[in-house]
Structures are given as structure tokens and as C-alpha cells.
Amino acid sequence: MKKISLYVPIELKARELAPKVFFSLIAAKKNLRVYLGTQETISRIINTKKRTGGVYFFKGGLSLDLIKNIKKKCYKFIILDEEAGPGDENPRGTMRERINKNIEQEIDRYYILGKKNFDIAKKIFKKFRHSLVLSGWPRIDFFRLSAKHKKNNPNVKDIKKRYGEYILFVSDFGQNSKKMLSYTKKTNKKIYKNNKKLQNRIYKISLDQFNEFNKVSDLLMDLDKDSSIPMIIIRPHPSEDHEPWERISKKFKKFKVILEGEISPWIYGSKAILHRGCSTSV
């Protein structure tokens, strides 16, 4: 039986590598040939292909031109959009924002995480409802599997040995600097150049996130001075601007800001978790 090639790009290593390795192993057992790598590496493989074939597995947010270039070399373009997961406060807005109407006809399968979001998607994407699939989530499958082995995980033991008892704060503000605000505004101006209303709505959400980040960072600075508060380890989101966190970490006396490796061991080693609804909190 001829093997089907599956192309799996990784956007954010700290968040995606372990679950996508797990996903790739299962795919390989199903007799698929898996190409796993950075977006840049996978793009280079796709561009140098001499024959058309295979399946491109991504998470959404690409432009029509990029998708058309991929489909010149791959038979199928499929999406499992982790950004519109159970932790999303506004899945309707996220889905519509990341899947423009002009690319709907290019999507061969759209896997959706959870029944609630699936019902929302059926109302939004009426033109390609036949492509919608209610599915699970490789990241949660990976968490479940790793949880079974957490007691014997050498990374968990090492973290607990180094830091003792701690509370883990999982940061996921999205917009945590003026630099990011400016970049987001500029990017959305290009993507939604004919929709000023949507540009303004996204910018307002971004500004709210930035203001929330400032309030929470001020709160953490105050808590750090309180001797009755236990140790808090702050883990910045991989896609956040890390410069503000680096500046804040230099002012902490007790708390620490650490972005190191995959998040599972940090969760299993913690006494408690603080979060704001990110996919890790699920």
C-alpha cells in the first residue's frame, strides 16, 4: 500500500512540539509518512516537491495566496485550529477572523475541538459545512498520556528539586507590549484592509489585553513583596513579547519568570495553577 505523506508544521516549539510528535507517532503507525518541522522547513520541502501529493495539516490563519501555493503541491489542505479551542472566550470571532470567506473553498477538512464550537462553526461556515468534523485534540491526548507517567518523569523531579513548592502562573495575554500592539494593528490593517470596523474591534480587544497585562504585572510586583505569599513561577506564553517579562523579572526578589521546555512537567510539579483561560488551563 502506497504511503500518504503528511506535512505537519510547528509554529511555536514550546507549545506544539511534544503534542505534535505524539500525533506524528500515531499517524506513522497508521502507515502515513510524516514530515514534522518548523513552518520554514516544511515550506521548503513543499516548494521543492517535484510531484503533487500528500496532506498539509495546519492550524489556520493563512492567506489565500499561501494556501493556493501549498495546494499546488499537496492534494489536501486540512485545519485543526487550536486557537479556537475550549479556552477561547470568543470562538465565533476567532473562527471568522482566522478563516476568511475567500479561503473557505480551499479547505478540505476543518477539525473542531468540542461540541459547542462545532455547533458555532456550522452556523458560521455554511458554504463548507460538509468539511467540518467534530474531533478530539492531540494536545489533550498528550496531556492525558503524560499525566500517567508524571510521578516517574525526570523533568518533574528535577524542577521540584530546583524550585521546591511553587504556584505556576501561566501567562496568555497576547498583547503585552506597545511593540506587539503596533505589530498587530499593522498586520490586521493588511489582512482586513476592506473592513475598518473589524480592524477597530480587534485593536480594542488588543488594547484591553495590554491594559490587563499591566494591571496583573503590577499586582505580581506587590505580591512579590509579601512574605506570606508562596513562590510563584511565571511562564510567559511562547508568542508573547518576552522583553517586558524580562524587565519585570529583574525587579522580583522571590518570584521567577521561566520559559523552559514543554509545559507539562511544570504543571505536574506545581502546587497550584493561576491562568486566564488559555489552552494549557484546559
C-alpha atoms as a PDB file:
ATOM      1  CA  MET A   1       0.000   0.000   0.000  1.00  0.00           C
ATOM      2  CA  LYS A   2       1.383   3.390  -1.030  1.00  0.00           C
ATOM      3  CA  LYS A   3       2.054   5.685   1.930  1.00  0.00           C
ATOM      4  CA  ILE A   4       0.321   9.060   2.191  1.00  0.00           C
ATOM      5  CA  SER A   5       2.634  11.934   3.098  1.00  0.00           C
ATOM      6  CA  LEU A   6       1.504  14.153   5.968  1.00  0.00           C
ATOM      7  CA  TYR A   7       3.138  17.588   6.388  1.00  0.00           C
ATOM      8  CA  VAL A   8       2.955  18.933   9.953  1.00  0.00           C
ATOM      9  CA  PRO A   9       4.489  22.405  10.534  1.00  0.00           C
ATOM     10  CA  ILE A  10       5.196  23.631  14.079  1.00  0.00           C
ATOM     11  CA  GLU A  11       4.602  27.312  14.764  1.00  0.00           C
ATOM     12  CA  LEU A  12       5.538  27.528  18.468  1.00  0.00           C
ATOM     13  CA  LYS A  13       8.010  24.889  19.678  1.00  0.00           C
ATOM     14  CA  ALA A  14       7.404  25.242  23.440  1.00  0.00           C
ATOM     15  CA  ARG A  15       3.664  24.718  22.989  1.00  0.00           C
ATOM     16  CA  GLU A  16       3.384  22.411  19.979  1.00  0.00           C
ATOM     17  CA  LEU A  17       6.424  20.136  19.727  1.00  0.00           C
ATOM     18  CA  ALA A  18       5.544  17.397  22.235  1.00  0.00           C
ATOM     19  CA  PRO A  19       1.843  17.034  21.214  1.00  0.00           C
ATOM     20  CA  LYS A  20       2.735  17.012  17.504  1.00  0.00           C
ATOM     21  CA  VAL A  21       5.464  14.407  17.994  1.00  0.00           C
ATOM     22  CA  PHE A  22       2.806  12.309  19.756  1.00  0.00           C
ATOM     23  CA  PHE A  23       0.351  12.968  16.902  1.00  0.00           C
ATOM     24  CA  SER A  24       3.022  12.072  14.315  1.00  0.00           C
ATOM     25  CA  LEU A  25       3.826   8.763  16.028  1.00  0.00           C
ATOM     26  CA  ILE A  26       0.161   7.734  15.859  1.00  0.00           C
ATOM     27  CA  ALA A  27      -0.018   8.819  12.197  1.00  0.00           C
ATOM     28  CA  ALA A  28       3.141   6.806  11.411  1.00  0.00           C
ATOM     29  CA  LYS A  29       1.539   3.708  12.996  1.00  0.00           C
ATOM     30  CA  LYS A  30      -1.395   4.244  10.598  1.00  0.00           C
ATOM     31  CA  ASN A  31       1.104   3.909   7.721  1.00  0.00           C
ATOM     32  CA  LEU A  32       1.469   7.622   6.964  1.00  0.00           C
ATOM     33  CA  ARG A  33       4.829   9.174   6.109  1.00  0.00           C
ATOM     34  CA  VAL A  34       5.162  12.218   8.377  1.00  0.00           C
ATOM     35  CA  TYR A  35       7.228  15.346   7.766  1.00  0.00           C
ATOM     36  CA  LEU A  36       7.463  17.251  11.043  1.00  0.00           C
ATOM     37  CA  GLY A  37       9.358  20.541  11.370  1.00  0.00           C
ATOM     38  CA  THR A  38       9.269  24.318  11.593  1.00  0.00           C
ATOM     39  CA  GLN A  39       6.993  26.225   9.227  1.00  0.00           C
ATOM     40  CA  GLU A  40      10.056  27.377   7.303  1.00  0.00           C
ATOM     41  CA  THR A  41      11.405  23.830   6.916  1.00  0.00           C
ATOM     42  CA  ILE A  42       8.067  22.350   5.858  1.00  0.00           C
ATOM     43  CA  SER A  43       7.562  25.216   3.372  1.00  0.00           C
ATOM     44  CA  ARG A  44      10.968  24.473   1.860  1.00  0.00           C
ATOM     45  CA  ILE A  45      10.076  20.767   1.494  1.00  0.00           C
ATOM     46  CA  ILE A  46       6.739  21.669  -0.116  1.00  0.00           C
ATOM     47  CA  ASN A  47       8.320  24.167  -2.524  1.00  0.00           C
ATOM     48  CA  THR A  48      10.956  21.669  -3.713  1.00  0.00           C
ATOM     49  CA  LYS A  49       8.482  18.814  -4.269  1.00  0.00           C
ATOM     50  CA  LYS A  50       8.500  17.611  -7.864  1.00  0.00           C
ATOM     51  CA  ARG A  51       5.132  15.860  -7.685  1.00  0.00           C
ATOM     52  CA  THR A  52       1.776  16.820  -6.254  1.00  0.00           C
ATOM     53  CA  GLY A  53       0.605  14.695  -3.338  1.00  0.00           C
ATOM     54  CA  GLY A  54       0.087  14.445   0.390  1.00  0.00           C
ATOM     55  CA  VAL A  55      -1.843  16.271   3.089  1.00  0.00           C
ATOM     56  CA  TYR A  56      -0.901  19.596   4.707  1.00  0.00           C
ATOM     57  CA  PHE A  57      -2.042  19.723   8.351  1.00  0.00           C
ATOM     58  CA  PHE A  58      -2.173  23.215   9.855  1.00  0.00           C
ATOM     59  CA  LYS A  59      -3.942  25.390  12.439  1.00  0.00           C
ATOM     60  CA  GLY A  60      -5.433  28.197  10.326  1.00  0.00           C
ATOM     61  CA  GLY A  61      -4.656  31.843   9.838  1.00  0.00           C
ATOM     62  CA  LEU A  62      -3.014  31.589   6.395  1.00  0.00           C
ATOM     63  CA  SER A  63      -3.784  33.876   3.463  1.00  0.00           C
ATOM     64  CA  LEU A  64      -5.417  32.707   0.222  1.00  0.00           C
ATOM     65  CA  ASP A  65      -2.149  33.046  -1.744  1.00  0.00           C
ATOM     66  CA  LEU A  66      -0.200  30.879   0.714  1.00  0.00           C
ATOM     67  CA  ILE A  67      -2.879  28.175   0.710  1.00  0.00           C
ATOM     68  CA  LYS A  68      -3.020  28.133  -3.098  1.00  0.00           C
ATOM     69  CA  ASN A  69       0.756  27.688  -3.253  1.00  0.00           C
ATOM     70  CA  ILE A  70       0.504  24.764  -0.809  1.00  0.00           C
ATOM     71  CA  LYS A  71      -2.306  23.157  -2.833  1.00  0.00           C
ATOM     72  CA  LYS A  72      -0.204  23.246  -5.968  1.00  0.00           C
ATOM     73  CA  LYS A  73       1.955  20.603  -4.264  1.00  0.00           C
ATOM     74  CA  CYS A  74      -0.493  18.906  -1.827  1.00  0.00           C
ATOM     75  CA  TYR A  75      -3.813  17.262  -2.652  1.00  0.00           C
ATOM     76  CA  LYS A  76      -5.407  18.211   0.665  1.00  0.00           C
ATOM     77  CA  PHE A  77      -5.230  21.208   2.989  1.00  0.00           C
ATOM     78  CA  ILE A  78      -6.741  20.491   6.415  1.00  0.00           C
ATOM     79  CA  ILE A  79      -7.034  22.526   9.596  1.00  0.00           C
ATOM     80  CA  LEU A  80      -7.313  21.807  13.305  1.00  0.00           C
ATOM     81  CA  ASP A  81      -7.381  25.289  14.784  1.00  0.00           C
ATOM     82  CA  GLU A  82      -6.099  25.188  18.356  1.00  0.00           C
ATOM     83  CA  GLU A  83      -6.635  28.937  18.716  1.00  0.00           C
ATOM     84  CA  ALA A  84     -10.412  28.337  18.627  1.00  0.00           C
ATOM     85  CA  GLY A  85     -10.283  25.768  21.426  1.00  0.00           C
ATOM     86  CA  PRO A  86     -12.347  25.329  24.613  1.00  0.00           C
ATOM     87  CA  GLY A  87     -10.327  28.056  26.370  1.00  0.00           C
ATOM     88  CA  ASP A  88     -11.352  30.719  23.841  1.00  0.00           C
ATOM     89  CA  GLU A  89     -13.751  33.343  25.214  1.00  0.00           C
ATOM     90  CA  ASN A  90     -14.983  34.258  21.731  1.00  0.00           C
ATOM     91  CA  PRO A  91     -14.685  31.210  19.420  1.00  0.00           C
ATOM     92  CA  ARG A  92     -17.093  32.725  16.882  1.00  0.00           C
ATOM     93  CA  GLY A  93     -14.844  35.776  16.451  1.00  0.00           C
ATOM     94  CA  THR A  94     -11.660  33.660  16.370  1.00  0.00           C
ATOM     95  CA  MET A  95     -13.004  31.281  13.716  1.00  0.00           C
ATOM     96  CA  ARG A  96     -14.213  34.071  11.463  1.00  0.00           C
ATOM     97  CA  GLU A  97     -11.032  36.066  11.984  1.00  0.00           C
ATOM     98  CA  ARG A  98      -8.733  33.151  11.076  1.00  0.00           C
ATOM     99  CA  ILE A  99     -10.809  31.699   8.230  1.00  0.00           C
ATOM    100  CA  ASN A 100     -11.614  34.423   5.719  1.00  0.00           C
ATOM    101  CA  LYS A 101     -14.559  33.799   3.390  1.00  0.00           C
ATOM    102  CA  ASN A 102     -12.253  33.797   0.372  1.00  0.00           C
ATOM    103  CA  ILE A 103     -10.336  30.715   1.603  1.00  0.00           C
ATOM    104  CA  GLU A 104     -13.296  28.535   2.606  1.00  0.00           C
ATOM    105  CA  GLN A 105     -13.352  26.741  -0.761  1.00  0.00           C
ATOM    106  CA  GLU A 106      -9.671  25.766  -0.337  1.00  0.00           C
ATOM    107  CA  ILE A 107     -10.174  23.891   2.970  1.00  0.00           C
ATOM    108  CA  ASP A 108     -10.712  20.141   2.548  1.00  0.00           C
ATOM    109  CA  ARG A 109     -11.287  19.346   6.234  1.00  0.00           C
ATOM    110  CA  TYR A 110     -11.791  21.589   9.253  1.00  0.00           C
ATOM    111  CA  TYR A 111     -11.481  19.757  12.570  1.00  0.00           C
ATOM    112  CA  ILE A 112     -13.187  21.485  15.505  1.00  0.00           C
ATOM    113  CA  LEU A 113     -12.447  21.000  19.191  1.00  0.00           C
ATOM    114  CA  GLY A 114     -15.604  20.330  21.194  1.00  0.00           C
ATOM    115  CA  LYS A 115     -19.343  20.118  20.545  1.00  0.00           C
ATOM    116  CA  LYS A 116     -20.038  23.753  21.497  1.00  0.00           C
ATOM    117  CA  ASN A 117     -17.548  25.129  18.955  1.00  0.00           C
ATOM    118  CA  PHE A 118     -18.721  22.598  16.371  1.00  0.00           C
ATOM    119  CA  ASP A 119     -22.309  23.936  16.613  1.00  0.00           C
ATOM    120  CA  ILE A 120     -20.982  27.508  16.269  1.00  0.00           C
ATOM    121  CA  ALA A 121     -18.901  26.560  13.215  1.00  0.00           C
ATOM    122  CA  LYS A 122     -21.921  25.031  11.451  1.00  0.00           C
ATOM    123  CA  LYS A 123     -23.674  28.415  11.648  1.00  0.00           C
ATOM    124  CA  ILE A 124     -20.620  30.407  10.501  1.00  0.00           C
ATOM    125  CA  PHE A 125     -19.291  28.183   7.715  1.00  0.00           C
ATOM    126  CA  LYS A 126     -22.499  27.292   5.890  1.00  0.00           C
ATOM    127  CA  LYS A 127     -20.772  27.058   2.491  1.00  0.00           C
ATOM    128  CA  PHE A 128     -18.427  24.280   3.580  1.00  0.00           C
ATOM    129  CA  ARG A 129     -20.363  22.544   6.355  1.00  0.00           C
ATOM    130  CA  HIS A 130     -19.590  19.227   4.642  1.00  0.00           C
ATOM    131  CA  SER A 131     -15.900  19.763   5.511  1.00  0.00           C
ATOM    132  CA  LEU A 132     -16.486  20.290   9.254  1.00  0.00           C
ATOM    133  CA  VAL A 133     -15.510  17.449  11.594  1.00  0.00           C
ATOM    134  CA  LEU A 134     -16.084  17.264  15.362  1.00  0.00           C
ATOM    135  CA  SER A 135     -12.782  15.940  16.705  1.00  0.00           C
ATOM    136  CA  GLY A 136     -10.537  15.478  19.695  1.00  0.00           C
ATOM    137  CA  TRP A 137      -7.331  17.367  20.387  1.00  0.00           C
ATOM    138  CA  PRO A 138      -3.816  15.847  20.187  1.00  0.00           C
ATOM    139  CA  ARG A 139      -2.615  18.243  22.889  1.00  0.00           C
ATOM    140  CA  ILE A 140      -5.155  16.958  25.418  1.00  0.00           C
ATOM    141  CA  ASP A 141      -4.405  13.350  24.388  1.00  0.00           C
ATOM    142  CA  PHE A 142      -0.727  14.056  25.059  1.00  0.00           C
ATOM    143  CA  PHE A 143      -1.503  15.639  28.451  1.00  0.00           C
ATOM    144  CA  ARG A 144      -3.565  12.595  29.443  1.00  0.00           C
ATOM    145  CA  LEU A 145      -0.791  10.209  28.475  1.00  0.00           C
ATOM    146  CA  SER A 146       1.963  12.240  30.163  1.00  0.00           C
ATOM    147  CA  ALA A 147      -0.159  12.561  33.338  1.00  0.00           C
ATOM    148  CA  LYS A 148       0.000   8.776  33.775  1.00  0.00           C
ATOM    149  CA  HIS A 149       3.787   8.973  33.974  1.00  0.00           C
ATOM    150  CA  LYS A 150       4.197  12.236  35.900  1.00  0.00           C
ATOM    151  CA  LYS A 151       5.473  10.581  39.108  1.00  0.00           C
ATOM    152  CA  ASN A 152       8.373   8.984  37.238  1.00  0.00           C
ATOM    153  CA  ASN A 153       9.042  11.944  34.954  1.00  0.00           C
ATOM    154  CA  PRO A 154      12.691  13.012  35.493  1.00  0.00           C
ATOM    155  CA  ASN A 155      11.854  16.572  34.392  1.00  0.00           C
ATOM    156  CA  VAL A 156       9.217  16.912  37.132  1.00  0.00           C
ATOM    157  CA  LYS A 157      11.641  15.602  39.761  1.00  0.00           C
ATOM    158  CA  ASP A 158      14.343  17.995  38.562  1.00  0.00           C
ATOM    159  CA  ILE A 159      12.007  21.028  38.640  1.00  0.00           C
ATOM    160  CA  LYS A 160      10.761  20.197  42.156  1.00  0.00           C
ATOM    161  CA  LYS A 161      14.330  19.690  43.339  1.00  0.00           C
ATOM    162  CA  ARG A 162      15.393  23.094  41.943  1.00  0.00           C
ATOM    163  CA  TYR A 163      12.369  25.182  42.984  1.00  0.00           C
ATOM    164  CA  GLY A 164      10.591  23.293  45.751  1.00  0.00           C
ATOM    165  CA  GLU A 165       6.909  24.152  46.219  1.00  0.00           C
ATOM    166  CA  TYR A 166       5.602  26.782  43.817  1.00  0.00           C
ATOM    167  CA  ILE A 167       2.462  28.145  42.208  1.00  0.00           C
ATOM    168  CA  LEU A 168       2.579  28.264  38.402  1.00  0.00           C
ATOM    169  CA  PHE A 169       1.198  31.355  36.667  1.00  0.00           C
ATOM    170  CA  VAL A 170       0.516  30.629  33.001  1.00  0.00           C
ATOM    171  CA  SER A 171       0.598  33.918  31.123  1.00  0.00           C
ATOM    172  CA  ASP A 172      -1.512  34.278  27.988  1.00  0.00           C
ATOM    173  CA  PHE A 173      -2.242  37.978  27.467  1.00  0.00           C
ATOM    174  CA  GLY A 174      -1.389  38.022  23.770  1.00  0.00           C
ATOM    175  CA  GLN A 175      -0.704  41.758  23.712  1.00  0.00           C
ATOM    176  CA  ASN A 176       1.779  42.626  26.452  1.00  0.00           C
ATOM    177  CA  SER A 177       3.803  45.478  24.934  1.00  0.00           C
ATOM    178  CA  LYS A 178       3.368  48.584  22.779  1.00  0.00           C
ATOM    179  CA  LYS A 179       5.577  46.877  20.187  1.00  0.00           C
ATOM    180  CA  MET A 180       3.100  43.995  19.916  1.00  0.00           C
ATOM    181  CA  LEU A 181       0.143  46.392  19.774  1.00  0.00           C
ATOM    182  CA  SER A 182       1.753  48.222  16.873  1.00  0.00           C
ATOM    183  CA  TYR A 183       2.596  44.971  15.055  1.00  0.00           C
ATOM    184  CA  THR A 184      -0.947  43.576  15.497  1.00  0.00           C
ATOM    185  CA  LYS A 185      -2.520  46.820  14.265  1.00  0.00           C
ATOM    186  CA  LYS A 186      -0.265  46.899  11.200  1.00  0.00           C
ATOM    187  CA  THR A 187      -0.861  43.200  10.404  1.00  0.00           C
ATOM    188  CA  ASN A 188      -4.649  43.410  10.708  1.00  0.00           C
ATOM    189  CA  LYS A 189      -4.673  46.531   8.547  1.00  0.00           C
ATOM    190  CA  LYS A 190      -3.199  44.413   5.732  1.00  0.00           C
ATOM    191  CA  ILE A 191      -5.387  41.354   6.327  1.00  0.00           C
ATOM    192  CA  TYR A 192      -8.669  43.273   6.760  1.00  0.00           C
ATOM    193  CA  LYS A 193      -7.910  46.286   4.568  1.00  0.00           C
ATOM    194  CA  ASN A 194     -11.551  46.494   3.407  1.00  0.00           C
ATOM    195  CA  ASN A 195     -13.076  46.081   6.862  1.00  0.00           C
ATOM    196  CA  LYS A 196     -12.326  49.076   9.087  1.00  0.00           C
ATOM    197  CA  LYS A 197     -14.954  48.008  11.630  1.00  0.00           C
ATOM    198  CA  LEU A 198     -13.232  44.661  12.218  1.00  0.00           C
ATOM    199  CA  GLN A 199      -9.811  46.341  12.424  1.00  0.00           C
ATOM    200  CA  ASN A 200     -11.084  48.646  15.178  1.00  0.00           C
ATOM    201  CA  ARG A 201     -12.762  45.784  17.068  1.00  0.00           C
ATOM    202  CA  ILE A 202      -9.582  43.684  17.064  1.00  0.00           C
ATOM    203  CA  TYR A 203      -7.496  46.670  18.138  1.00  0.00           C
ATOM    204  CA  LYS A 204      -9.849  47.351  21.064  1.00  0.00           C
ATOM    205  CA  ILE A 205      -9.517  43.721  22.202  1.00  0.00           C
ATOM    206  CA  SER A 206      -5.718  44.008  21.873  1.00  0.00           C
ATOM    207  CA  LEU A 207      -5.697  47.223  23.916  1.00  0.00           C
ATOM    208  CA  ASP A 208      -7.818  45.583  26.643  1.00  0.00           C
ATOM    209  CA  GLN A 209      -5.326  42.692  26.800  1.00  0.00           C
ATOM    210  CA  PHE A 210      -2.409  45.114  27.083  1.00  0.00           C
ATOM    211  CA  ASN A 211      -4.103  47.034  29.920  1.00  0.00           C
ATOM    212  CA  GLU A 212      -4.894  43.770  31.704  1.00  0.00           C
ATOM    213  CA  PHE A 213      -1.258  42.693  31.421  1.00  0.00           C
ATOM    214  CA  ASN A 214      -0.125  45.955  33.056  1.00  0.00           C
ATOM    215  CA  LYS A 215      -2.596  45.531  35.933  1.00  0.00           C
ATOM    216  CA  VAL A 216      -1.566  41.911  36.553  1.00  0.00           C
ATOM    217  CA  SER A 217       2.166  42.680  36.356  1.00  0.00           C
ATOM    218  CA  ASP A 218       1.677  45.471  38.949  1.00  0.00           C
ATOM    219  CA  LEU A 219      -0.222  43.004  41.148  1.00  0.00           C
ATOM    220  CA  LEU A 220       2.588  40.437  40.873  1.00  0.00           C
ATOM    221  CA  MET A 221       5.122  43.107  41.875  1.00  0.00           C
ATOM    222  CA  ASP A 222       3.085  43.790  45.034  1.00  0.00           C
ATOM    223  CA  LEU A 223       2.634  40.092  45.837  1.00  0.00           C
ATOM    224  CA  ASP A 224       6.372  39.506  45.489  1.00  0.00           C
ATOM    225  CA  LYS A 225       6.953  41.840  48.468  1.00  0.00           C
ATOM    226  CA  ASP A 226       4.538  39.877  50.684  1.00  0.00           C
ATOM    227  CA  SER A 227       6.433  37.241  52.695  1.00  0.00           C
ATOM    228  CA  SER A 228       3.243  35.250  53.308  1.00  0.00           C
ATOM    229  CA  ILE A 229       2.776  34.603  49.559  1.00  0.00           C
ATOM    230  CA  PRO A 230       4.410  31.355  48.374  1.00  0.00           C
ATOM    231  CA  MET A 231       6.836  31.180  45.455  1.00  0.00           C
ATOM    232  CA  ILE A 232       5.225  31.959  42.051  1.00  0.00           C
ATOM    233  CA  ILE A 233       6.842  30.866  38.798  1.00  0.00           C
ATOM    234  CA  ILE A 234       5.580  32.846  35.805  1.00  0.00           C
ATOM    235  CA  ARG A 235       5.667  31.142  32.447  1.00  0.00           C
ATOM    236  CA  PRO A 236       5.280  33.614  29.540  1.00  0.00           C
ATOM    237  CA  HIS A 237       3.278  32.437  26.570  1.00  0.00           C
ATOM    238  CA  PRO A 238       5.628  31.438  23.699  1.00  0.00           C
ATOM    239  CA  SER A 239       4.001  34.009  21.386  1.00  0.00           C
ATOM    240  CA  GLU A 240       4.131  36.913  23.869  1.00  0.00           C
ATOM    241  CA  ASP A 241       6.790  39.619  23.798  1.00  0.00           C
ATOM    242  CA  HIS A 242       9.295  38.327  26.373  1.00  0.00           C
ATOM    243  CA  GLU A 243      11.099  41.652  26.881  1.00  0.00           C
ATOM    244  CA  PRO A 244       8.505  43.047  29.364  1.00  0.00           C
ATOM    245  CA  TRP A 245       8.691  39.836  31.404  1.00  0.00           C
ATOM    246  CA  GLU A 246      12.495  40.017  31.418  1.00  0.00           C
ATOM    247  CA  ARG A 247      12.341  43.587  32.762  1.00  0.00           C
ATOM    248  CA  ILE A 248       9.831  42.596  35.441  1.00  0.00           C
ATOM    249  CA  SER A 249      11.844  39.508  36.470  1.00  0.00           C
ATOM    250  CA  LYS A 250      14.837  41.705  37.364  1.00  0.00           C
ATOM    251  CA  LYS A 251      12.686  43.529  39.932  1.00  0.00           C
ATOM    252  CA  PHE A 252      11.402  40.357  41.611  1.00  0.00           C
ATOM    253  CA  LYS A 253      13.017  39.297  44.881  1.00  0.00           C
ATOM    254  CA  LYS A 254      11.280  35.932  45.204  1.00  0.00           C
ATOM    255  CA  PHE A 255       9.168  35.195  42.112  1.00  0.00           C
ATOM    256  CA  LYS A 256      10.740  33.876  38.922  1.00  0.00           C
ATOM    257  CA  VAL A 257       9.954  34.184  35.193  1.00  0.00           C
ATOM    258  CA  ILE A 258      10.897  30.966  33.353  1.00  0.00           C
ATOM    259  CA  LEU A 259      10.183  29.776  29.818  1.00  0.00           C
ATOM    260  CA  GLU A 260      11.945  26.450  29.655  1.00  0.00           C
ATOM    261  CA  GLY A 261      10.927  23.304  27.772  1.00  0.00           C
ATOM    262  CA  GLU A 262       7.436  21.863  27.388  1.00  0.00           C
ATOM    263  CA  ILE A 263       4.862  22.963  29.956  1.00  0.00           C
ATOM    264  CA  SER A 264       3.587  19.563  31.214  1.00  0.00           C
ATOM    265  CA  PRO A 265       6.386  18.961  33.773  1.00  0.00           C
ATOM    266  CA  TRP A 266       5.894  22.483  35.168  1.00  0.00           C
ATOM    267  CA  ILE A 267       2.183  21.790  35.632  1.00  0.00           C
ATOM    268  CA  TYR A 268       2.782  18.434  37.335  1.00  0.00           C
ATOM    269  CA  GLY A 269       5.472  19.890  39.602  1.00  0.00           C
ATOM    270  CA  SER A 270       3.326  22.810  40.784  1.00  0.00           C
ATOM    271  CA  LYS A 271       1.247  23.124  43.928  1.00  0.00           C
ATOM    272  CA  ALA A 272      -1.442  25.165  42.126  1.00  0.00           C
ATOM    273  CA  ILE A 273      -2.020  26.964  38.813  1.00  0.00           C
ATOM    274  CA  LEU A 274      -3.130  30.518  38.021  1.00  0.00           C
ATOM    275  CA  HIS A 275      -4.338  31.138  34.472  1.00  0.00           C
ATOM    276  CA  ARG A 276      -6.598  33.287  32.302  1.00  0.00           C
ATOM    277  CA  GLY A 277      -8.314  30.691  30.130  1.00  0.00           C
ATOM    278  CA  CYS A 278      -5.514  29.566  27.804  1.00  0.00           C
ATOM    279  CA  SER A 279      -5.420  26.095  26.221  1.00  0.00           C
ATOM    280  CA  THR A 280      -2.950  24.940  28.903  1.00  0.00           C
ATOM    281  CA  SER A 281      -5.532  25.685  31.594  1.00  0.00           C
ATOM    282  CA  VAL A 282      -7.848  23.145  29.942  1.00  0.00           C
END
